[in-house]
Amino acid sequence: MTDIRHTPEAPTRTRTLAPGQSIDAHRHDDHQIIYAGSGVLAVTTDAGTWFAPGTRAIWVPAGCVHAHRAHGHLALHLLGLPAGTNPLGLDTPTVLAVGPLLRELILAYTRDPGDDSPERSRLRAVLLDQLRSSPQEPVQLPTPTDPRLATICDLLHHDPADPRTLAALAATAGSGERTLSRLFRRELGMTFPQWRTQLRLYHALRMLADDVPVTTVAHRCGWSSASAFIDVFRRSFGYTPGTHNRRP
């Protein structure tokens, strides 16, 4: 990433982004919690892309160079945390589950950043307790460095519905299935089927944020049926794709 903007403090505030709008690569000296009250948020670093609908938030550690992109109308809630304390003990971007209580705490805390009352300090303490107990979620698309992996990943990004097996795709990368399978595990930390599922879910979220019908999303992302897509989506995000744009 080039032309990296440095903002010493990660401000606590709210911000809206239009569909497709982005925030260029930048870094903060503070840690940051980023929550999308509506739409789907994608945070990208050189290591990969983390994505989150309204049931997730993204932790970005201090000093991490990252960019944001909005899918659908994005209502961002940004929470800065001093780098001197690391309440989550995490040094890489991480997606966290956001339950109803944590959601309301984030919304309340970012509503009036200028408030320095004792009540707000207590609110912050409860919010941090909730963050510490929030489960981490594996919703990330790591960026490959090996050119053979990059070829496969680029093909499927362009067409997530591509039904070819890893063996069939290997020929396009000038490699073998076993070699690519090892590379997926070693470089990306997951198997090829796991990575392809993450890719399809990412594209599904993007399409749903743009109000594409569920059946169309299932077809374009490679699921055999709408019901199969709904089942995977619900297990991954805790709600059905048909309710994606109707959540509070």
C-alpha atoms as a PDB file:
ATOM      1  CA  MET A   1       0.000   0.000   0.000  1.00  0.00           C
ATOM      2  CA  THR A   2       1.307   3.460  -0.911  1.00  0.00           C
ATOM      3  CA  ASP A   3       0.622   6.994   0.308  1.00  0.00           C
ATOM      4  CA  ILE A   4      -0.104   5.768   3.817  1.00  0.00           C
ATOM      5  CA  ARG A   5      -1.779   8.349   6.008  1.00  0.00           C
ATOM      6  CA  HIS A   6      -0.737   8.398   9.661  1.00  0.00           C
ATOM      7  CA  THR A   7      -3.273   9.488  12.250  1.00  0.00           C
ATOM      8  CA  PRO A   8      -1.719   9.276  15.751  1.00  0.00           C
ATOM      9  CA  GLU A   9      -5.036   8.878  17.545  1.00  0.00           C
ATOM     10  CA  ALA A  10      -7.825   6.582  16.381  1.00  0.00           C
ATOM     11  CA  PRO A  11     -10.854   8.818  16.975  1.00  0.00           C
ATOM     12  CA  THR A  12     -14.017   7.564  18.610  1.00  0.00           C
ATOM     13  CA  ARG A  13     -16.863   8.693  16.358  1.00  0.00           C
ATOM     14  CA  THR A  14     -19.510   7.674  13.849  1.00  0.00           C
ATOM     15  CA  ARG A  15     -19.230   8.020  10.095  1.00  0.00           C
ATOM     16  CA  THR A  16     -21.299   7.044   7.068  1.00  0.00           C
ATOM     17  CA  LEU A  17     -19.965   5.677   3.787  1.00  0.00           C
ATOM     18  CA  ALA A  18     -21.908   5.322   0.538  1.00  0.00           C
ATOM     19  CA  PRO A  19     -21.929   1.981  -1.300  1.00  0.00           C
ATOM     20  CA  GLY A  20     -18.524   1.392  -2.849  1.00  0.00           C
ATOM     21  CA  GLN A  21     -16.907   4.273  -0.963  1.00  0.00           C
ATOM     22  CA  SER A  22     -13.546   3.564   0.629  1.00  0.00           C
ATOM     23  CA  ILE A  23     -11.070   4.994   3.115  1.00  0.00           C
ATOM     24  CA  ASP A  24      -7.516   4.803   1.799  1.00  0.00           C
ATOM     25  CA  ALA A  25      -4.689   2.990   3.540  1.00  0.00           C
ATOM     26  CA  HIS A  26      -3.789   4.565   6.870  1.00  0.00           C
ATOM     27  CA  ARG A  27      -2.593   3.677  10.354  1.00  0.00           C
ATOM     28  CA  HIS A  28      -3.113   4.840  13.910  1.00  0.00           C
ATOM     29  CA  ASP A  29      -0.906   4.771  16.983  1.00  0.00           C
ATOM     30  CA  ASP A  30      -4.011   3.587  18.864  1.00  0.00           C
ATOM     31  CA  HIS A  31      -5.946   0.341  18.628  1.00  0.00           C
ATOM     32  CA  GLN A  32      -9.353   0.551  16.969  1.00  0.00           C
ATOM     33  CA  ILE A  33     -12.660  -1.288  17.052  1.00  0.00           C
ATOM     34  CA  ILE A  34     -14.652  -0.825  13.829  1.00  0.00           C
ATOM     35  CA  TYR A  35     -18.331  -1.736  13.788  1.00  0.00           C
ATOM     36  CA  ALA A  36     -20.800  -1.398  10.914  1.00  0.00           C
ATOM     37  CA  GLY A  37     -24.280  -0.705  12.210  1.00  0.00           C
ATOM     38  CA  SER A  38     -25.558  -1.191   8.650  1.00  0.00           C
ATOM     39  CA  GLY A  39     -24.047  -2.490   5.432  1.00  0.00           C
ATOM     40  CA  VAL A  40     -20.975  -4.713   5.232  1.00  0.00           C
ATOM     41  CA  LEU A  41     -17.493  -3.542   6.167  1.00  0.00           C
ATOM     42  CA  ALA A  42     -14.314  -4.836   4.539  1.00  0.00           C
ATOM     43  CA  VAL A  43     -10.937  -4.046   6.119  1.00  0.00           C
ATOM     44  CA  THR A  44      -7.895  -4.834   3.977  1.00  0.00           C
ATOM     45  CA  THR A  45      -4.199  -5.070   4.842  1.00  0.00           C
ATOM     46  CA  ASP A  46      -1.266  -6.564   2.954  1.00  0.00           C
ATOM     47  CA  ALA A  47      -2.077  -9.844   4.730  1.00  0.00           C
ATOM     48  CA  GLY A  48      -5.686 -10.130   3.566  1.00  0.00           C
ATOM     49  CA  THR A  49      -9.256  -8.922   3.911  1.00  0.00           C
ATOM     50  CA  TRP A  50     -11.492  -9.151   6.992  1.00  0.00           C
ATOM     51  CA  PHE A  51     -15.213  -8.641   6.482  1.00  0.00           C
ATOM     52  CA  ALA A  52     -18.060  -8.018   8.865  1.00  0.00           C
ATOM     53  CA  PRO A  53     -21.827  -7.526   8.718  1.00  0.00           C
ATOM     54  CA  GLY A  54     -23.736  -6.035  11.652  1.00  0.00           C
ATOM     55  CA  THR A  55     -23.241  -9.105  13.848  1.00  0.00           C
ATOM     56  CA  ARG A  56     -19.463  -8.634  13.779  1.00  0.00           C
ATOM     57  CA  ALA A  57     -16.849  -5.996  14.601  1.00  0.00           C
ATOM     58  CA  ILE A  58     -13.227  -5.792  13.486  1.00  0.00           C
ATOM     59  CA  TRP A  59     -10.304  -5.208  15.840  1.00  0.00           C
ATOM     60  CA  VAL A  60      -7.391  -3.352  14.199  1.00  0.00           C
ATOM     61  CA  PRO A  61      -4.222  -3.195  16.348  1.00  0.00           C
ATOM     62  CA  ALA A  62      -2.136  -0.061  16.715  1.00  0.00           C
ATOM     63  CA  GLY A  63       0.257   0.585  13.836  1.00  0.00           C
ATOM     64  CA  CYS A  64      -1.512  -1.768  11.423  1.00  0.00           C
ATOM     65  CA  VAL A  65      -1.805  -0.255   7.928  1.00  0.00           C
ATOM     66  CA  HIS A  66      -5.360  -0.846   6.728  1.00  0.00           C
ATOM     67  CA  ALA A  67      -8.015   0.424   4.323  1.00  0.00           C
ATOM     68  CA  HIS A  68     -11.837   0.320   4.579  1.00  0.00           C
ATOM     69  CA  ARG A  69     -14.430  -0.363   1.904  1.00  0.00           C
ATOM     70  CA  ALA A  70     -18.207  -0.099   2.156  1.00  0.00           C
ATOM     71  CA  HIS A  71     -20.639  -2.580   0.676  1.00  0.00           C
ATOM     72  CA  GLY A  72     -24.132  -1.155   0.902  1.00  0.00           C
ATOM     73  CA  HIS A  73     -24.785   1.982   2.946  1.00  0.00           C
ATOM     74  CA  LEU A  74     -22.263   1.764   5.788  1.00  0.00           C
ATOM     75  CA  ALA A  75     -22.930   3.267   9.214  1.00  0.00           C
ATOM     76  CA  LEU A  76     -19.499   3.067  10.826  1.00  0.00           C
ATOM     77  CA  HIS A  77     -18.921   3.242  14.578  1.00  0.00           C
ATOM     78  CA  LEU A  78     -15.235   3.786  15.354  1.00  0.00           C
ATOM     79  CA  LEU A  79     -13.830   3.229  18.825  1.00  0.00           C
ATOM     80  CA  GLY A  80     -10.228   4.193  19.600  1.00  0.00           C
ATOM     81  CA  LEU A  81      -8.290   2.528  22.430  1.00  0.00           C
ATOM     82  CA  PRO A  82      -4.884   3.775  23.671  1.00  0.00           C
ATOM     83  CA  ALA A  83      -1.984   1.606  22.516  1.00  0.00           C
ATOM     84  CA  GLY A  84      -0.642   1.471  26.064  1.00  0.00           C
ATOM     85  CA  THR A  85      -3.378  -0.992  26.898  1.00  0.00           C
ATOM     86  CA  ASN A  86      -4.377  -3.967  24.800  1.00  0.00           C
ATOM     87  CA  PRO A  87      -7.592  -5.240  26.365  1.00  0.00           C
ATOM     88  CA  LEU A  88      -7.909  -8.091  23.870  1.00  0.00           C
ATOM     89  CA  GLY A  89      -4.249  -9.101  23.690  1.00  0.00           C
ATOM     90  CA  LEU A  90      -4.451  -9.290  19.875  1.00  0.00           C
ATOM     91  CA  ASP A  91      -1.697  -8.077  17.542  1.00  0.00           C
ATOM     92  CA  THR A  92      -3.389  -8.824  14.215  1.00  0.00           C
ATOM     93  CA  PRO A  93      -6.770  -7.758  12.784  1.00  0.00           C
ATOM     94  CA  THR A  94      -9.510  -9.978  14.182  1.00  0.00           C
ATOM     95  CA  VAL A  95     -13.255 -10.290  13.649  1.00  0.00           C
ATOM     96  CA  LEU A  96     -15.314 -10.447  16.848  1.00  0.00           C
ATOM     97  CA  ALA A  97     -18.902 -11.520  17.382  1.00  0.00           C
ATOM     98  CA  VAL A  98     -21.248  -8.690  18.404  1.00  0.00           C
ATOM     99  CA  GLY A  99     -24.289  -9.696  20.432  1.00  0.00           C
ATOM    100  CA  PRO A 100     -27.238  -7.407  21.220  1.00  0.00           C
ATOM    101  CA  LEU A 101     -25.690  -6.017  24.414  1.00  0.00           C
ATOM    102  CA  LEU A 102     -22.296  -5.251  22.873  1.00  0.00           C
ATOM    103  CA  ARG A 103     -24.020  -3.640  19.879  1.00  0.00           C
ATOM    104  CA  GLU A 104     -25.946  -1.255  22.115  1.00  0.00           C
ATOM    105  CA  LEU A 105     -22.820  -0.444  24.131  1.00  0.00           C
ATOM    106  CA  ILE A 106     -20.870   0.438  20.975  1.00  0.00           C
ATOM    107  CA  LEU A 107     -23.707   2.584  19.641  1.00  0.00           C
ATOM    108  CA  ALA A 108     -24.072   4.392  22.960  1.00  0.00           C
ATOM    109  CA  TYR A 109     -20.338   4.959  23.465  1.00  0.00           C
ATOM    110  CA  THR A 110     -19.731   6.389  19.980  1.00  0.00           C
ATOM    111  CA  ARG A 111     -22.846   8.590  20.042  1.00  0.00           C
ATOM    112  CA  ASP A 112     -21.230  11.458  21.974  1.00  0.00           C
ATOM    113  CA  PRO A 113     -17.403  11.277  21.788  1.00  0.00           C
ATOM    114  CA  GLY A 114     -17.011  14.574  23.651  1.00  0.00           C
ATOM    115  CA  ASP A 115     -18.718  13.275  26.782  1.00  0.00           C
ATOM    116  CA  ASP A 116     -16.167  12.745  29.575  1.00  0.00           C
ATOM    117  CA  SER A 117     -18.639  12.066  32.380  1.00  0.00           C
ATOM    118  CA  PRO A 118     -18.176   9.319  35.017  1.00  0.00           C
ATOM    119  CA  GLU A 119     -21.201   7.570  33.509  1.00  0.00           C
ATOM    120  CA  ARG A 120     -19.444   7.287  30.162  1.00  0.00           C
ATOM    121  CA  SER A 121     -16.316   5.928  31.845  1.00  0.00           C
ATOM    122  CA  ARG A 122     -18.416   3.192  33.405  1.00  0.00           C
ATOM    123  CA  LEU A 123     -20.015   2.509  30.032  1.00  0.00           C
ATOM    124  CA  ARG A 124     -16.550   2.100  28.524  1.00  0.00           C
ATOM    125  CA  ALA A 125     -15.533  -0.357  31.246  1.00  0.00           C
ATOM    126  CA  VAL A 126     -18.569  -2.543  30.555  1.00  0.00           C
ATOM    127  CA  LEU A 127     -17.949  -2.297  26.808  1.00  0.00           C
ATOM    128  CA  LEU A 128     -14.356  -3.503  27.233  1.00  0.00           C
ATOM    129  CA  ASP A 129     -15.531  -6.400  29.404  1.00  0.00           C
ATOM    130  CA  GLN A 130     -17.932  -7.425  26.651  1.00  0.00           C
ATOM    131  CA  LEU A 131     -15.205  -7.160  24.002  1.00  0.00           C
ATOM    132  CA  ARG A 132     -12.911  -9.407  26.025  1.00  0.00           C
ATOM    133  CA  SER A 133     -15.552 -12.109  26.165  1.00  0.00           C
ATOM    134  CA  SER A 134     -16.588 -11.830  22.510  1.00  0.00           C
ATOM    135  CA  PRO A 135     -15.793 -14.943  20.443  1.00  0.00           C
ATOM    136  CA  GLN A 136     -13.362 -14.523  17.576  1.00  0.00           C
ATOM    137  CA  GLU A 137     -14.808 -15.345  14.164  1.00  0.00           C
ATOM    138  CA  PRO A 138     -12.894 -16.852  11.193  1.00  0.00           C
ATOM    139  CA  VAL A 139     -14.165 -14.438   8.539  1.00  0.00           C
ATOM    140  CA  GLN A 140     -10.998 -13.533   6.695  1.00  0.00           C
ATOM    141  CA  LEU A 141      -9.607 -13.932   3.203  1.00  0.00           C
ATOM    142  CA  PRO A 142      -5.810 -14.154   3.507  1.00  0.00           C
ATOM    143  CA  THR A 143      -3.759 -12.777   0.619  1.00  0.00           C
ATOM    144  CA  PRO A 144      -1.535 -15.391  -1.059  1.00  0.00           C
ATOM    145  CA  THR A 145       2.075 -14.637  -1.928  1.00  0.00           C
ATOM    146  CA  ASP A 146       2.904 -17.716  -3.983  1.00  0.00           C
ATOM    147  CA  PRO A 147       2.107 -16.893  -7.657  1.00  0.00           C
ATOM    148  CA  ARG A 148       0.461 -20.290  -8.177  1.00  0.00           C
ATOM    149  CA  LEU A 149      -1.930 -19.674  -5.305  1.00  0.00           C
ATOM    150  CA  ALA A 150      -2.501 -16.115  -6.468  1.00  0.00           C
ATOM    151  CA  THR A 151      -3.557 -17.390  -9.890  1.00  0.00           C
ATOM    152  CA  ILE A 152      -6.167 -19.725  -8.386  1.00  0.00           C
ATOM    153  CA  CYS A 153      -7.447 -17.112  -5.941  1.00  0.00           C
ATOM    154  CA  ASP A 154      -7.751 -14.445  -8.652  1.00  0.00           C
ATOM    155  CA  LEU A 155      -9.743 -16.818 -10.862  1.00  0.00           C
ATOM    156  CA  LEU A 156     -12.236 -17.562  -8.097  1.00  0.00           C
ATOM    157  CA  HIS A 157     -12.491 -13.929  -7.010  1.00  0.00           C
ATOM    158  CA  HIS A 158     -13.518 -13.140 -10.572  1.00  0.00           C
ATOM    159  CA  ASP A 159     -16.048 -15.999 -10.616  1.00  0.00           C
ATOM    160  CA  PRO A 160     -16.861 -17.419  -7.158  1.00  0.00           C
ATOM    161  CA  ALA A 161     -19.358 -19.818  -8.787  1.00  0.00           C
ATOM    162  CA  ASP A 162     -16.556 -21.575 -10.720  1.00  0.00           C
ATOM    163  CA  PRO A 163     -17.275 -25.249  -9.909  1.00  0.00           C
ATOM    164  CA  ARG A 164     -13.857 -26.672 -10.822  1.00  0.00           C
ATOM    165  CA  THR A 165     -12.031 -28.855  -8.319  1.00  0.00           C
ATOM    166  CA  LEU A 166      -8.564 -27.960  -7.063  1.00  0.00           C
ATOM    167  CA  ALA A 167      -7.148 -30.626  -9.377  1.00  0.00           C
ATOM    168  CA  ALA A 168      -8.792 -28.966 -12.385  1.00  0.00           C
ATOM    169  CA  LEU A 169      -7.729 -25.488 -11.298  1.00  0.00           C
ATOM    170  CA  ALA A 170      -4.154 -26.629 -10.706  1.00  0.00           C
ATOM    171  CA  ALA A 171      -3.587 -27.017 -14.428  1.00  0.00           C
ATOM    172  CA  THR A 172      -4.248 -23.307 -14.984  1.00  0.00           C
ATOM    173  CA  ALA A 173      -1.574 -22.471 -12.405  1.00  0.00           C
ATOM    174  CA  GLY A 174       1.017 -24.856 -13.800  1.00  0.00           C
ATOM    175  CA  SER A 175       1.075 -26.859 -10.592  1.00  0.00           C
ATOM    176  CA  GLY A 176      -0.231 -30.056  -9.058  1.00  0.00           C
ATOM    177  CA  GLU A 177      -3.181 -30.601  -6.750  1.00  0.00           C
ATOM    178  CA  ARG A 178      -1.064 -31.851  -3.836  1.00  0.00           C
ATOM    179  CA  THR A 179       1.319 -28.902  -4.095  1.00  0.00           C
ATOM    180  CA  LEU A 180      -1.535 -26.407  -4.111  1.00  0.00           C
ATOM    181  CA  SER A 181      -3.272 -28.175  -1.235  1.00  0.00           C
ATOM    182  CA  ARG A 182      -0.107 -27.852   0.860  1.00  0.00           C
ATOM    183  CA  LEU A 183       0.237 -24.204  -0.128  1.00  0.00           C
ATOM    184  CA  PHE A 184      -3.331 -23.404   0.956  1.00  0.00           C
ATOM    185  CA  ARG A 185      -2.661 -24.873   4.389  1.00  0.00           C
ATOM    186  CA  ARG A 186       0.801 -23.349   4.784  1.00  0.00           C
ATOM    187  CA  GLU A 187       0.196 -19.842   3.394  1.00  0.00           C
ATOM    188  CA  LEU A 188      -3.489 -19.256   4.068  1.00  0.00           C
ATOM    189  CA  GLY A 189      -3.984 -21.436   7.147  1.00  0.00           C
ATOM    190  CA  MET A 190      -6.985 -23.278   5.724  1.00  0.00           C
ATOM    191  CA  THR A 191      -7.905 -25.958   3.222  1.00  0.00           C
ATOM    192  CA  PHE A 192      -9.007 -25.124  -0.301  1.00  0.00           C
ATOM    193  CA  PRO A 193     -12.700 -25.909   0.454  1.00  0.00           C
ATOM    194  CA  GLN A 194     -12.556 -23.730   3.581  1.00  0.00           C
ATOM    195  CA  TRP A 195     -11.002 -20.848   1.639  1.00  0.00           C
ATOM    196  CA  ARG A 196     -13.547 -21.160  -1.177  1.00  0.00           C
ATOM    197  CA  THR A 197     -16.415 -21.086   1.343  1.00  0.00           C
ATOM    198  CA  GLN A 198     -14.981 -17.912   2.902  1.00  0.00           C
ATOM    199  CA  LEU A 199     -14.636 -16.366  -0.565  1.00  0.00           C
ATOM    200  CA  ARG A 200     -18.228 -17.205  -1.462  1.00  0.00           C
ATOM    201  CA  LEU A 201     -19.543 -15.833   1.829  1.00  0.00           C
ATOM    202  CA  TYR A 202     -17.615 -12.594   1.273  1.00  0.00           C
ATOM    203  CA  HIS A 203     -19.081 -12.140  -2.196  1.00  0.00           C
ATOM    204  CA  ALA A 204     -22.526 -13.125  -0.896  1.00  0.00           C
ATOM    205  CA  LEU A 205     -22.395 -10.401   1.763  1.00  0.00           C
ATOM    206  CA  ARG A 206     -21.369  -7.843  -0.848  1.00  0.00           C
ATOM    207  CA  MET A 207     -24.263  -8.802  -3.115  1.00  0.00           C
ATOM    208  CA  LEU A 208     -26.812  -8.888  -0.298  1.00  0.00           C
ATOM    209  CA  ALA A 209     -25.711  -5.388   0.748  1.00  0.00           C
ATOM    210  CA  ASP A 210     -26.603  -4.280  -2.791  1.00  0.00           C
ATOM    211  CA  ASP A 211     -30.085  -5.853  -2.468  1.00  0.00           C
ATOM    212  CA  VAL A 212     -29.424  -8.728  -4.859  1.00  0.00           C
ATOM    213  CA  PRO A 213     -32.127 -11.420  -4.300  1.00  0.00           C
ATOM    214  CA  VAL A 214     -31.102 -14.420  -2.184  1.00  0.00           C
ATOM    215  CA  THR A 215     -31.665 -16.974  -4.958  1.00  0.00           C
ATOM    216  CA  THR A 216     -29.534 -14.920  -7.353  1.00  0.00           C
ATOM    217  CA  VAL A 217     -26.775 -14.590  -4.763  1.00  0.00           C
ATOM    218  CA  ALA A 218     -26.784 -18.356  -4.187  1.00  0.00           C
ATOM    219  CA  HIS A 219     -26.441 -18.982  -7.931  1.00  0.00           C
ATOM    220  CA  ARG A 220     -23.742 -16.363  -8.535  1.00  0.00           C
ATOM    221  CA  CYS A 221     -21.680 -17.580  -5.589  1.00  0.00           C
ATOM    222  CA  GLY A 222     -21.743 -21.248  -6.522  1.00  0.00           C
ATOM    223  CA  TRP A 223     -24.169 -22.909  -4.132  1.00  0.00           C
ATOM    224  CA  SER A 224     -26.195 -25.788  -5.558  1.00  0.00           C
ATOM    225  CA  SER A 225     -29.440 -24.342  -4.213  1.00  0.00           C
ATOM    226  CA  ALA A 226     -30.811 -21.401  -2.260  1.00  0.00           C
ATOM    227  CA  SER A 227     -31.474 -23.683   0.713  1.00  0.00           C
ATOM    228  CA  ALA A 228     -27.837 -24.849   0.779  1.00  0.00           C
ATOM    229  CA  PHE A 229     -26.690 -21.226   0.712  1.00  0.00           C
ATOM    230  CA  ILE A 230     -29.115 -20.225   3.478  1.00  0.00           C
ATOM    231  CA  ASP A 231     -27.884 -23.061   5.695  1.00  0.00           C
ATOM    232  CA  VAL A 232     -24.187 -22.139   5.324  1.00  0.00           C
ATOM    233  CA  PHE A 233     -24.908 -18.429   5.741  1.00  0.00           C
ATOM    234  CA  ARG A 234     -26.993 -18.919   8.894  1.00  0.00           C
ATOM    235  CA  ARG A 235     -24.346 -21.136  10.490  1.00  0.00           C
ATOM    236  CA  SER A 236     -21.670 -18.560   9.668  1.00  0.00           C
ATOM    237  CA  PHE A 237     -23.416 -15.334  10.684  1.00  0.00           C
ATOM    238  CA  GLY A 238     -26.304 -16.298  12.961  1.00  0.00           C
ATOM    239  CA  TYR A 239     -29.134 -15.014  10.756  1.00  0.00           C
ATOM    240  CA  THR A 240     -30.593 -15.814   7.354  1.00  0.00           C
ATOM    241  CA  PRO A 241     -29.548 -13.939   4.200  1.00  0.00           C
ATOM    242  CA  GLY A 242     -33.145 -12.868   3.597  1.00  0.00           C
ATOM    243  CA  THR A 243     -33.030 -10.752   6.760  1.00  0.00           C
ATOM    244  CA  HIS A 244     -29.601  -9.277   6.043  1.00  0.00           C
ATOM    245  CA  ASN A 245     -30.814  -5.760   5.191  1.00  0.00           C
ATOM    246  CA  ARG A 246     -33.645  -5.784   7.723  1.00  0.00           C
ATOM    247  CA  ARG A 247     -31.554  -6.147  10.865  1.00  0.00           C
ATOM    248  CA  PRO A 248     -31.728  -3.290  13.417  1.00  0.00           C
END
